[in-house]
């Protein structure tokens, strides 16, 4: 029977497979979250453009267009973050 100290000494090393799986899973979850944020922003921009058609004044239409552009830019930023997460996922799966 192993002593507690012997058991703990054997457990000192990191299990690289577990670390690798955890890192890949974390980056995958982060990429999915950023992808969902991008879709949400794009849909908000689409909705803003749809409602701008019904606006009567030029100022209202301009405000709706500016809102749509801001949502599109938010979507692009989220897409960039998603690409970074996927890149990190691939890197961590090959390096670790």
PDB file of N, CA and C in Angstrom:
ATOM      1  N   UNK A   1       0.844  -1.175   0.000  1.00  0.00           N
ATOM      2  CA  UNK A   1       0.000   0.000   0.000  1.00  0.00           C
ATOM      3  C   UNK A   1       0.890   1.239   0.000  1.00  0.00           C
ATOM      4  N   UNK A   2       0.528   2.224  -0.819  1.00  0.00           N
ATOM      5  CA  UNK A   2       1.303   3.455  -0.932  1.00  0.00           C
ATOM      6  C   UNK A   2       0.999   4.366   0.250  1.00  0.00           C
ATOM      7  N   UNK A   3       2.020   5.093   0.638  1.00  0.00           N
ATOM      8  CA  UNK A   3       1.791   6.092   1.678  1.00  0.00           C
ATOM      9  C   UNK A   3       1.200   7.346   1.037  1.00  0.00           C
ATOM     10  N   UNK A   4       0.658   8.197   1.845  1.00  0.00           N
ATOM     11  CA  UNK A   4       0.057   9.429   1.336  1.00  0.00           C
ATOM     12  C   UNK A   4       1.106  10.286   0.646  1.00  0.00           C
ATOM     13  N   UNK A   5       2.293  10.369   1.205  1.00  0.00           N
ATOM     14  CA  UNK A   5       3.360  11.189   0.614  1.00  0.00           C
ATOM     15  C   UNK A   5       3.785  10.626  -0.750  1.00  0.00           C
ATOM     16  N   UNK A   6       3.863   9.339  -0.875  1.00  0.00           N
ATOM     17  CA  UNK A   6       4.223   8.728  -2.149  1.00  0.00           C
ATOM     18  C   UNK A   6       3.140   9.003  -3.193  1.00  0.00           C
ATOM     19  N   UNK A   7       1.905   8.867  -2.765  1.00  0.00           N
ATOM     20  CA  UNK A   7       0.793   9.146  -3.673  1.00  0.00           C
ATOM     21  C   UNK A   7       0.820  10.599  -4.143  1.00  0.00           C
ATOM     22  N   UNK A   8       1.015  11.532  -3.230  1.00  0.00           N
ATOM     23  CA  UNK A   8       1.053  12.955  -3.586  1.00  0.00           C
ATOM     24  C   UNK A   8       2.256  13.283  -4.466  1.00  0.00           C
ATOM     25  N   UNK A   9       3.390  12.628  -4.237  1.00  0.00           N
ATOM     26  CA  UNK A   9       4.582  12.853  -5.062  1.00  0.00           C
ATOM     27  C   UNK A   9       4.329  12.403  -6.495  1.00  0.00           C
ATOM     28  N   UNK A  10       3.582  11.329  -6.665  1.00  0.00           N
ATOM     29  CA  UNK A  10       3.258  10.857  -8.007  1.00  0.00           C
ATOM     30  C   UNK A  10       2.272  11.765  -8.718  1.00  0.00           C
ATOM     31  N   UNK A  11       1.469  12.488  -7.968  1.00  0.00           N
ATOM     32  CA  UNK A  11       0.445  13.360  -8.540  1.00  0.00           C
ATOM     33  C   UNK A  11       0.950  14.771  -8.824  1.00  0.00           C
ATOM     34  N   UNK A  12       2.212  15.058  -8.515  1.00  0.00           N
ATOM     35  CA  UNK A  12       2.763  16.399  -8.680  1.00  0.00           C
ATOM     36  C   UNK A  12       2.745  16.873 -10.122  1.00  0.00           C
ATOM     37  N   UNK A  13       3.056  16.014 -11.053  1.00  0.00           N
ATOM     38  CA  UNK A  13       3.126  16.410 -12.456  1.00  0.00           C
ATOM     39  C   UNK A  13       1.744  16.728 -13.006  1.00  0.00           C
ATOM     40  N   UNK A  14       1.696  17.687 -13.916  1.00  0.00           N
ATOM     41  CA  UNK A  14       0.430  18.030 -14.551  1.00  0.00           C
ATOM     42  C   UNK A  14       0.069  16.971 -15.583  1.00  0.00           C
ATOM     43  N   UNK A  15      -1.154  16.645 -15.618  1.00  0.00           N
ATOM     44  CA  UNK A  15      -1.636  15.754 -16.660  1.00  0.00           C
ATOM     45  C   UNK A  15      -1.895  16.621 -17.888  1.00  0.00           C
ATOM     46  N   UNK A  16      -0.988  16.577 -18.847  1.00  0.00           N
ATOM     47  CA  UNK A  16      -1.042  17.479 -19.993  1.00  0.00           C
ATOM     48  C   UNK A  16      -2.284  17.271 -20.838  1.00  0.00           C
ATOM     49  N   UNK A  17      -2.774  16.069 -20.888  1.00  0.00           N
ATOM     50  CA  UNK A  17      -3.982  15.819 -21.680  1.00  0.00           C
ATOM     51  C   UNK A  17      -5.174  16.559 -21.095  1.00  0.00           C
ATOM     52  N   UNK A  18      -5.275  16.589 -19.777  1.00  0.00           N
ATOM     53  CA  UNK A  18      -6.381  17.292 -19.123  1.00  0.00           C
ATOM     54  C   UNK A  18      -6.241  18.797 -19.319  1.00  0.00           C
ATOM     55  N   UNK A  19      -5.026  19.303 -19.192  1.00  0.00           N
ATOM     56  CA  UNK A  19      -4.793  20.736 -19.401  1.00  0.00           C
ATOM     57  C   UNK A  19      -5.117  21.121 -20.834  1.00  0.00           C
ATOM     58  N   UNK A  20      -4.699  20.294 -21.777  1.00  0.00           N
ATOM     59  CA  UNK A  20      -4.960  20.558 -23.191  1.00  0.00           C
ATOM     60  C   UNK A  20      -6.455  20.593 -23.470  1.00  0.00           C
ATOM     61  N   UNK A  21      -7.181  19.590 -22.971  1.00  0.00           N
ATOM     62  CA  UNK A  21      -8.619  19.534 -23.186  1.00  0.00           C
ATOM     63  C   UNK A  21      -9.315  20.733 -22.548  1.00  0.00           C
ATOM     64  N   UNK A  22      -8.861  21.118 -21.370  1.00  0.00           N
ATOM     65  CA  UNK A  22      -9.463  22.268 -20.693  1.00  0.00           C
ATOM     66  C   UNK A  22      -9.230  23.565 -21.447  1.00  0.00           C
ATOM     67  N   UNK A  23      -8.014  23.756 -21.947  1.00  0.00           N
ATOM     68  CA  UNK A  23      -7.707  24.976 -22.691  1.00  0.00           C
ATOM     69  C   UNK A  23      -8.490  25.037 -23.997  1.00  0.00           C
ATOM     70  N   UNK A  24      -8.552  23.921 -24.690  1.00  0.00           N
ATOM     71  CA  UNK A  24      -9.291  23.879 -25.959  1.00  0.00           C
ATOM     72  C   UNK A  24     -10.774  24.124 -25.708  1.00  0.00           C
ATOM     73  N   UNK A  25     -11.311  23.522 -24.663  1.00  0.00           N
ATOM     74  CA  UNK A  25     -12.731  23.707 -24.341  1.00  0.00           C
ATOM     75  C   UNK A  25     -13.026  25.148 -23.944  1.00  0.00           C
ATOM     76  N   UNK A  26     -12.121  25.763 -23.195  1.00  0.00           N
ATOM     77  CA  UNK A  26     -12.320  27.154 -22.772  1.00  0.00           C
ATOM     78  C   UNK A  26     -12.312  28.094 -23.979  1.00  0.00           C
ATOM     79  N   UNK A  27     -11.374  27.903 -24.877  1.00  0.00           N
ATOM     80  CA  UNK A  27     -11.323  28.750 -26.073  1.00  0.00           C
ATOM     81  C   UNK A  27     -12.515  28.494 -26.988  1.00  0.00           C
ATOM     82  N   UNK A  28     -12.981  27.247 -27.059  1.00  0.00           N
ATOM     83  CA  UNK A  28     -14.156  26.937 -27.879  1.00  0.00           C
ATOM     84  C   UNK A  28     -15.392  27.623 -27.319  1.00  0.00           C
ATOM     85  N   UNK A  29     -15.539  27.600 -25.998  1.00  0.00           N
ATOM     86  CA  UNK A  29     -16.675  28.263 -25.364  1.00  0.00           C
ATOM     87  C   UNK A  29     -16.611  29.770 -25.582  1.00  0.00           C
ATOM     88  N   UNK A  30     -15.416  30.327 -25.468  1.00  0.00           N
ATOM     89  CA  UNK A  30     -15.238  31.758 -25.694  1.00  0.00           C
ATOM     90  C   UNK A  30     -15.547  32.118 -27.156  1.00  0.00           C
ATOM     91  N   UNK A  31     -15.116  31.297 -28.089  1.00  0.00           N
ATOM     92  CA  UNK A  31     -15.405  31.540 -29.499  1.00  0.00           C
ATOM     93  C   UNK A  31     -16.892  31.469 -29.789  1.00  0.00           C
ATOM     94  N   UNK A  32     -17.570  30.511 -29.168  1.00  0.00           N
ATOM     95  CA  UNK A  32     -19.018  30.392 -29.360  1.00  0.00           C
ATOM     96  C   UNK A  32     -19.736  31.618 -28.802  1.00  0.00           C
ATOM     97  N   UNK A  33     -19.307  32.080 -27.641  1.00  0.00           N
ATOM     98  CA  UNK A  33     -19.926  33.260 -27.025  1.00  0.00           C
ATOM     99  C   UNK A  33     -19.736  34.486 -27.911  1.00  0.00           C
ATOM    100  N   UNK A  34     -18.534  34.661 -28.427  1.00  0.00           N
ATOM    101  CA  UNK A  34     -18.277  35.806 -29.300  1.00  0.00           C
ATOM    102  C   UNK A  34     -19.043  35.695 -30.615  1.00  0.00           C
ATOM    103  N   UNK A  35     -19.181  34.493 -31.129  1.00  0.00           N
ATOM    104  CA  UNK A  35     -19.977  34.298 -32.338  1.00  0.00           C
ATOM    105  C   UNK A  35     -21.439  34.636 -32.107  1.00  0.00           C
ATOM    106  N   UNK A  36     -21.973  34.226 -30.960  1.00  0.00           N
ATOM    107  CA  UNK A  36     -23.358  34.562 -30.621  1.00  0.00           C
ATOM    108  C   UNK A  36     -23.536  36.073 -30.459  1.00  0.00           C
ATOM    109  N   UNK A  37     -22.536  36.736 -29.868  1.00  0.00           N
ATOM    110  CA  UNK A  37     -22.598  38.197 -29.734  1.00  0.00           C
ATOM    111  C   UNK A  37     -22.588  38.875 -31.104  1.00  0.00           C
ATOM    112  N   UNK A  38     -21.809  38.344 -32.022  1.00  0.00           N
ATOM    113  CA  UNK A  38     -21.759  38.912 -33.374  1.00  0.00           C
ATOM    114  C   UNK A  38     -23.110  38.771 -34.064  1.00  0.00           C
ATOM    115  N   UNK A  39     -23.709  37.600 -33.972  1.00  0.00           N
ATOM    116  CA  UNK A  39     -25.017  37.378 -34.592  1.00  0.00           C
ATOM    117  C   UNK A  39     -26.059  38.309 -33.980  1.00  0.00           C
ATOM    118  N   UNK A  40     -26.004  38.463 -32.669  1.00  0.00           N
ATOM    119  CA  UNK A  40     -26.952  39.353 -31.994  1.00  0.00           C
ATOM    120  C   UNK A  40     -26.798  40.792 -32.488  1.00  0.00           C
ATOM    121  N   UNK A  41     -25.573  41.248 -32.626  1.00  0.00           N
ATOM    122  CA  UNK A  41     -25.336  42.619 -33.103  1.00  0.00           C
ATOM    123  C   UNK A  41     -25.782  42.786 -34.553  1.00  0.00           C
ATOM    124  N   UNK A  42     -25.504  41.797 -35.384  1.00  0.00           N
ATOM    125  CA  UNK A  42     -25.942  41.883 -36.778  1.00  0.00           C
ATOM    126  C   UNK A  42     -27.460  41.918 -36.883  1.00  0.00           C
ATOM    127  N   UNK A  43     -28.126  41.135 -36.047  1.00  0.00           N
ATOM    128  CA  UNK A  43     -29.588  41.154 -36.065  1.00  0.00           C
ATOM    129  C   UNK A  43     -30.150  42.489 -35.582  1.00  0.00           C
ATOM    130  N   UNK A  44     -29.486  43.095 -34.608  1.00  0.00           N
ATOM    131  CA  UNK A  44     -29.913  44.425 -34.158  1.00  0.00           C
ATOM    132  C   UNK A  44     -29.751  45.450 -35.282  1.00  0.00           C
ATOM    133  N   UNK A  45     -28.663  45.353 -36.020  1.00  0.00           N
ATOM    134  CA  UNK A  45     -28.445  46.268 -37.139  1.00  0.00           C
ATOM    135  C   UNK A  45     -29.506  46.052 -38.214  1.00  0.00           C
ATOM    136  N   UNK A  46     -29.820  44.803 -38.483  1.00  0.00           N
ATOM    137  CA  UNK A  46     -30.845  44.487 -39.472  1.00  0.00           C
ATOM    138  C   UNK A  46     -32.197  45.053 -39.046  1.00  0.00           C
ATOM    139  N   UNK A  47     -32.520  44.904 -37.771  1.00  0.00           N
ATOM    140  CA  UNK A  47     -33.789  45.431 -37.259  1.00  0.00           C
ATOM    141  C   UNK A  47     -33.825  46.952 -37.339  1.00  0.00           C
ATOM    142  N   UNK A  48     -32.711  47.600 -37.028  1.00  0.00           N
ATOM    143  CA  UNK A  48     -32.651  49.062 -37.105  1.00  0.00           C
ATOM    144  C   UNK A  48     -32.851  49.540 -38.543  1.00  0.00           C
ATOM    145  N   UNK A  49     -32.291  48.820 -39.493  1.00  0.00           N
ATOM    146  CA  UNK A  49     -32.486  49.188 -40.901  1.00  0.00           C
ATOM    147  C   UNK A  49     -33.931  48.970 -41.340  1.00  0.00           C
ATOM    148  N   UNK A  50     -34.553  47.902 -40.849  1.00  0.00           N
ATOM    149  CA  UNK A  50     -35.948  47.645 -41.199  1.00  0.00           C
ATOM    150  C   UNK A  50     -36.867  48.737 -40.648  1.00  0.00           C
ATOM    151  N   UNK A  51     -36.599  49.203 -39.443  1.00  0.00           N
ATOM    152  CA  UNK A  51     -37.467  50.226 -38.851  1.00  0.00           C
ATOM    153  C   UNK A  51     -37.190  51.605 -39.429  1.00  0.00           C
ATOM    154  N   UNK A  52     -36.031  51.791 -40.040  1.00  0.00           N
ATOM    155  CA  UNK A  52     -35.734  53.104 -40.618  1.00  0.00           C
ATOM    156  C   UNK A  52     -36.590  53.368 -41.855  1.00  0.00           C
ATOM    157  N   UNK A  53     -37.092  52.327 -42.482  1.00  0.00           N
ATOM    158  CA  UNK A  53     -37.942  52.487 -43.661  1.00  0.00           C
ATOM    159  C   UNK A  53     -39.243  53.202 -43.281  1.00  0.00           C
ATOM    160  N   UNK A  54     -39.750  52.926 -42.090  1.00  0.00           N
ATOM    161  CA  UNK A  54     -41.007  53.503 -41.645  1.00  0.00           C
ATOM    162  C   UNK A  54     -40.853  54.901 -41.035  1.00  0.00           C
ATOM    163  N   UNK A  55     -39.632  55.359 -40.875  1.00  0.00           N
ATOM    164  CA  UNK A  55     -39.412  56.683 -40.305  1.00  0.00           C
ATOM    165  C   UNK A  55     -39.855  57.754 -41.292  1.00  0.00           C
ATOM    166  N   UNK A  56     -40.421  58.818 -40.738  1.00  0.00           N
ATOM    167  CA  UNK A  56     -40.971  59.853 -41.613  1.00  0.00           C
ATOM    168  C   UNK A  56     -39.973  60.974 -41.881  1.00  0.00           C
ATOM    169  N   UNK A  57     -39.225  61.358 -40.871  1.00  0.00           N
ATOM    170  CA  UNK A  57     -38.320  62.493 -41.065  1.00  0.00           C
ATOM    171  C   UNK A  57     -36.916  62.010 -41.411  1.00  0.00           C
ATOM    172  N   UNK A  58     -36.180  62.878 -42.013  1.00  0.00           N
ATOM    173  CA  UNK A  58     -34.803  62.571 -42.399  1.00  0.00           C
ATOM    174  C   UNK A  58     -33.917  62.367 -41.165  1.00  0.00           C
ATOM    175  N   UNK A  59     -34.183  63.138 -40.111  1.00  0.00           N
ATOM    176  CA  UNK A  59     -33.396  62.991 -38.879  1.00  0.00           C
ATOM    177  C   UNK A  59     -33.608  61.615 -38.253  1.00  0.00           C
ATOM    178  N   UNK A  60     -34.830  61.134 -38.253  1.00  0.00           N
ATOM    179  CA  UNK A  60     -35.106  59.810 -37.700  1.00  0.00           C
ATOM    180  C   UNK A  60     -34.410  58.721 -38.516  1.00  0.00           C
ATOM    181  N   UNK A  61     -34.452  58.873 -39.829  1.00  0.00           N
ATOM    182  CA  UNK A  61     -33.790  57.887 -40.689  1.00  0.00           C
ATOM    183  C   UNK A  61     -32.279  57.900 -40.470  1.00  0.00           C
ATOM    184  N   UNK A  62     -31.706  59.096 -40.330  1.00  0.00           N
ATOM    185  CA  UNK A  62     -30.266  59.203 -40.088  1.00  0.00           C
ATOM    186  C   UNK A  62     -29.896  58.564 -38.751  1.00  0.00           C
ATOM    187  N   UNK A  63     -30.728  58.771 -37.725  1.00  0.00           N
ATOM    188  CA  UNK A  63     -30.463  58.171 -36.418  1.00  0.00           C
ATOM    189  C   UNK A  63     -30.522  56.647 -36.486  1.00  0.00           C
ATOM    190  N   UNK A  64     -31.499  56.123 -37.214  1.00  0.00           N
ATOM    191  CA  UNK A  64     -31.624  54.673 -37.370  1.00  0.00           C
ATOM    192  C   UNK A  64     -30.434  54.100 -38.138  1.00  0.00           C
ATOM    193  N   UNK A  65     -29.990  54.820 -39.169  1.00  0.00           N
ATOM    194  CA  UNK A  65     -28.827  54.356 -39.931  1.00  0.00           C
ATOM    195  C   UNK A  65     -27.564  54.368 -39.077  1.00  0.00           C
ATOM    196  N   UNK A  66     -27.397  55.408 -38.270  1.00  0.00           N
ATOM    197  CA  UNK A  66     -26.238  55.461 -37.375  1.00  0.00           C
ATOM    198  C   UNK A  66     -26.288  54.329 -36.358  1.00  0.00           C
ATOM    199  N   UNK A  67     -27.469  54.050 -35.852  1.00  0.00           N
ATOM    200  CA  UNK A  67     -27.622  52.930 -34.918  1.00  0.00           C
ATOM    201  C   UNK A  67     -27.268  51.609 -35.589  1.00  0.00           C
ATOM    202  N   UNK A  68     -27.717  51.432 -36.823  1.00  0.00           N
ATOM    203  CA  UNK A  68     -27.409  50.203 -37.555  1.00  0.00           C
ATOM    204  C   UNK A  68     -25.906  50.065 -37.793  1.00  0.00           C
ATOM    205  N   UNK A  69     -25.255  51.163 -38.133  1.00  0.00           N
ATOM    206  CA  UNK A  69     -23.805  51.120 -38.362  1.00  0.00           C
ATOM    207  C   UNK A  69     -23.070  50.773 -37.072  1.00  0.00           C
ATOM    208  N   UNK A  70     -23.514  51.318 -35.949  1.00  0.00           N
ATOM    209  CA  UNK A  70     -22.881  51.009 -34.669  1.00  0.00           C
ATOM    210  C   UNK A  70     -23.045  49.522 -34.331  1.00  0.00           C
ATOM    211  N   UNK A  71     -24.221  48.973 -34.587  1.00  0.00           N
ATOM    212  CA  UNK A  71     -24.432  47.549 -34.332  1.00  0.00           C
ATOM    213  C   UNK A  71     -23.591  46.692 -35.271  1.00  0.00           C
ATOM    214  N   UNK A  72     -23.450  47.117 -36.510  1.00  0.00           N
ATOM    215  CA  UNK A  72     -22.585  46.384 -37.438  1.00  0.00           C
ATOM    216  C   UNK A  72     -21.132  46.382 -36.962  1.00  0.00           C
ATOM    217  N   UNK A  73     -20.672  47.523 -36.477  1.00  0.00           N
ATOM    218  CA  UNK A  73     -19.302  47.609 -35.973  1.00  0.00           C
ATOM    219  C   UNK A  73     -19.119  46.736 -34.731  1.00  0.00           C
ATOM    220  N   UNK A  74     -20.122  46.712 -33.853  1.00  0.00           N
ATOM    221  CA  UNK A  74     -20.059  45.823 -32.687  1.00  0.00           C
ATOM    222  C   UNK A  74     -19.986  44.362 -33.133  1.00  0.00           C
ATOM    223  N   UNK A  75     -20.749  44.028 -34.170  1.00  0.00           N
ATOM    224  CA  UNK A  75     -20.706  42.675 -34.705  1.00  0.00           C
ATOM    225  C   UNK A  75     -19.348  42.331 -35.291  1.00  0.00           C
ATOM    226  N   UNK A  76     -18.734  43.280 -35.957  1.00  0.00           N
ATOM    227  CA  UNK A  76     -17.403  43.041 -36.530  1.00  0.00           C
ATOM    228  C   UNK A  76     -16.357  42.836 -35.439  1.00  0.00           C
ATOM    229  N   UNK A  77     -16.460  43.595 -34.367  1.00  0.00           N
ATOM    230  CA  UNK A  77     -15.532  43.424 -33.245  1.00  0.00           C
ATOM    231  C   UNK A  77     -15.722  42.038 -32.619  1.00  0.00           C
ATOM    232  N   UNK A  78     -16.971  41.627 -32.433  1.00  0.00           N
ATOM    233  CA  UNK A  78     -17.237  40.297 -31.872  1.00  0.00           C
ATOM    234  C   UNK A  78     -16.736  39.200 -32.804  1.00  0.00           C
ATOM    235  N   UNK A  79     -16.864  39.402 -34.109  1.00  0.00           N
ATOM    236  CA  UNK A  79     -16.352  38.429 -35.072  1.00  0.00           C
ATOM    237  C   UNK A  79     -14.835  38.327 -34.971  1.00  0.00           C
ATOM    238  N   UNK A  80     -14.178  39.457 -34.805  1.00  0.00           N
ATOM    239  CA  UNK A  80     -12.719  39.456 -34.651  1.00  0.00           C
ATOM    240  C   UNK A  80     -12.313  38.712 -33.383  1.00  0.00           C
ATOM    241  N   UNK A  81     -13.056  38.905 -32.310  1.00  0.00           N
ATOM    242  CA  UNK A  81     -12.766  38.182 -31.071  1.00  0.00           C
ATOM    243  C   UNK A  81     -12.988  36.683 -31.252  1.00  0.00           C
ATOM    244  N   UNK A  82     -14.007  36.325 -32.027  1.00  0.00           N
ATOM    245  CA  UNK A  82     -14.283  34.914 -32.289  1.00  0.00           C
ATOM    246  C   UNK A  82     -13.125  34.296 -33.061  1.00  0.00           C
ATOM    247  N   UNK A  83     -12.617  35.002 -34.046  1.00  0.00           N
ATOM    248  CA  UNK A  83     -11.480  34.501 -34.824  1.00  0.00           C
ATOM    249  C   UNK A  83     -10.264  34.320 -33.923  1.00  0.00           C
ATOM    250  N   UNK A  84     -10.043  35.259 -33.006  1.00  0.00           N
ATOM    251  CA  UNK A  84      -8.934  35.135 -32.062  1.00  0.00           C
ATOM    252  C   UNK A  84      -9.090  33.925 -31.156  1.00  0.00           C
ATOM    253  N   UNK A  85     -10.308  33.658 -30.720  1.00  0.00           N
ATOM    254  CA  UNK A  85     -10.553  32.498 -29.866  1.00  0.00           C
ATOM    255  C   UNK A  85     -10.314  31.193 -30.614  1.00  0.00           C
ATOM    256  N   UNK A  86     -10.752  31.135 -31.850  1.00  0.00           N
ATOM    257  CA  UNK A  86     -10.539  29.924 -32.655  1.00  0.00           C
ATOM    258  C   UNK A  86      -9.051  29.737 -32.920  1.00  0.00           C
ATOM    259  N   UNK A  87      -8.353  30.818 -33.182  1.00  0.00           N
ATOM    260  CA  UNK A  87      -6.915  30.740 -33.392  1.00  0.00           C
ATOM    261  C   UNK A  87      -6.209  30.241 -32.129  1.00  0.00           C
ATOM    262  N   UNK A  88      -6.628  30.739 -30.980  1.00  0.00           N
ATOM    263  CA  UNK A  88      -6.055  30.287 -29.708  1.00  0.00           C
ATOM    264  C   UNK A  88      -6.378  28.822 -29.459  1.00  0.00           C
ATOM    265  N   UNK A  89      -7.575  28.410 -29.843  1.00  0.00           N
ATOM    266  CA  UNK A  89      -7.981  27.015 -29.676  1.00  0.00           C
ATOM    267  C   UNK A  89      -7.085  26.104 -30.502  1.00  0.00           C
ATOM    268  N   UNK A  90      -6.847  26.471 -31.738  1.00  0.00           N
ATOM    269  CA  UNK A  90      -5.999  25.662 -32.607  1.00  0.00           C
ATOM    270  C   UNK A  90      -4.557  25.641 -32.084  1.00  0.00           C
ATOM    271  N   UNK A  91      -4.076  26.793 -31.666  1.00  0.00           N
ATOM    272  CA  UNK A  91      -2.709  26.873 -31.150  1.00  0.00           C
ATOM    273  C   UNK A  91      -2.542  26.029 -29.892  1.00  0.00           C
ATOM    274  N   UNK A  92      -3.504  26.134 -28.969  1.00  0.00           N
ATOM    275  CA  UNK A  92      -3.377  25.361 -27.725  1.00  0.00           C
ATOM    276  C   UNK A  92      -3.505  23.876 -27.978  1.00  0.00           C
ATOM    277  N   UNK A  93      -4.267  23.474 -28.981  1.00  0.00           N
ATOM    278  CA  UNK A  93      -4.403  22.038 -29.251  1.00  0.00           C
ATOM    279  C   UNK A  93      -3.143  21.468 -29.901  1.00  0.00           C
ATOM    280  N   UNK A  94      -2.379  22.295 -30.578  1.00  0.00           N
ATOM    281  CA  UNK A  94      -1.166  21.786 -31.221  1.00  0.00           C
ATOM    282  C   UNK A  94       0.080  21.953 -30.358  1.00  0.00           C
ATOM    283  N   UNK A  95       0.112  22.980 -29.533  1.00  0.00           N
ATOM    284  CA  UNK A  95       1.307  23.261 -28.746  1.00  0.00           C
ATOM    285  C   UNK A  95       1.361  22.465 -27.454  1.00  0.00           C
ATOM    286  N   UNK A  96       0.244  22.403 -26.764  1.00  0.00           N
ATOM    287  CA  UNK A  96       0.244  21.749 -25.453  1.00  0.00           C
ATOM    288  C   UNK A  96       0.272  20.249 -25.624  1.00  0.00           C
TER     289      UNK A  96
END
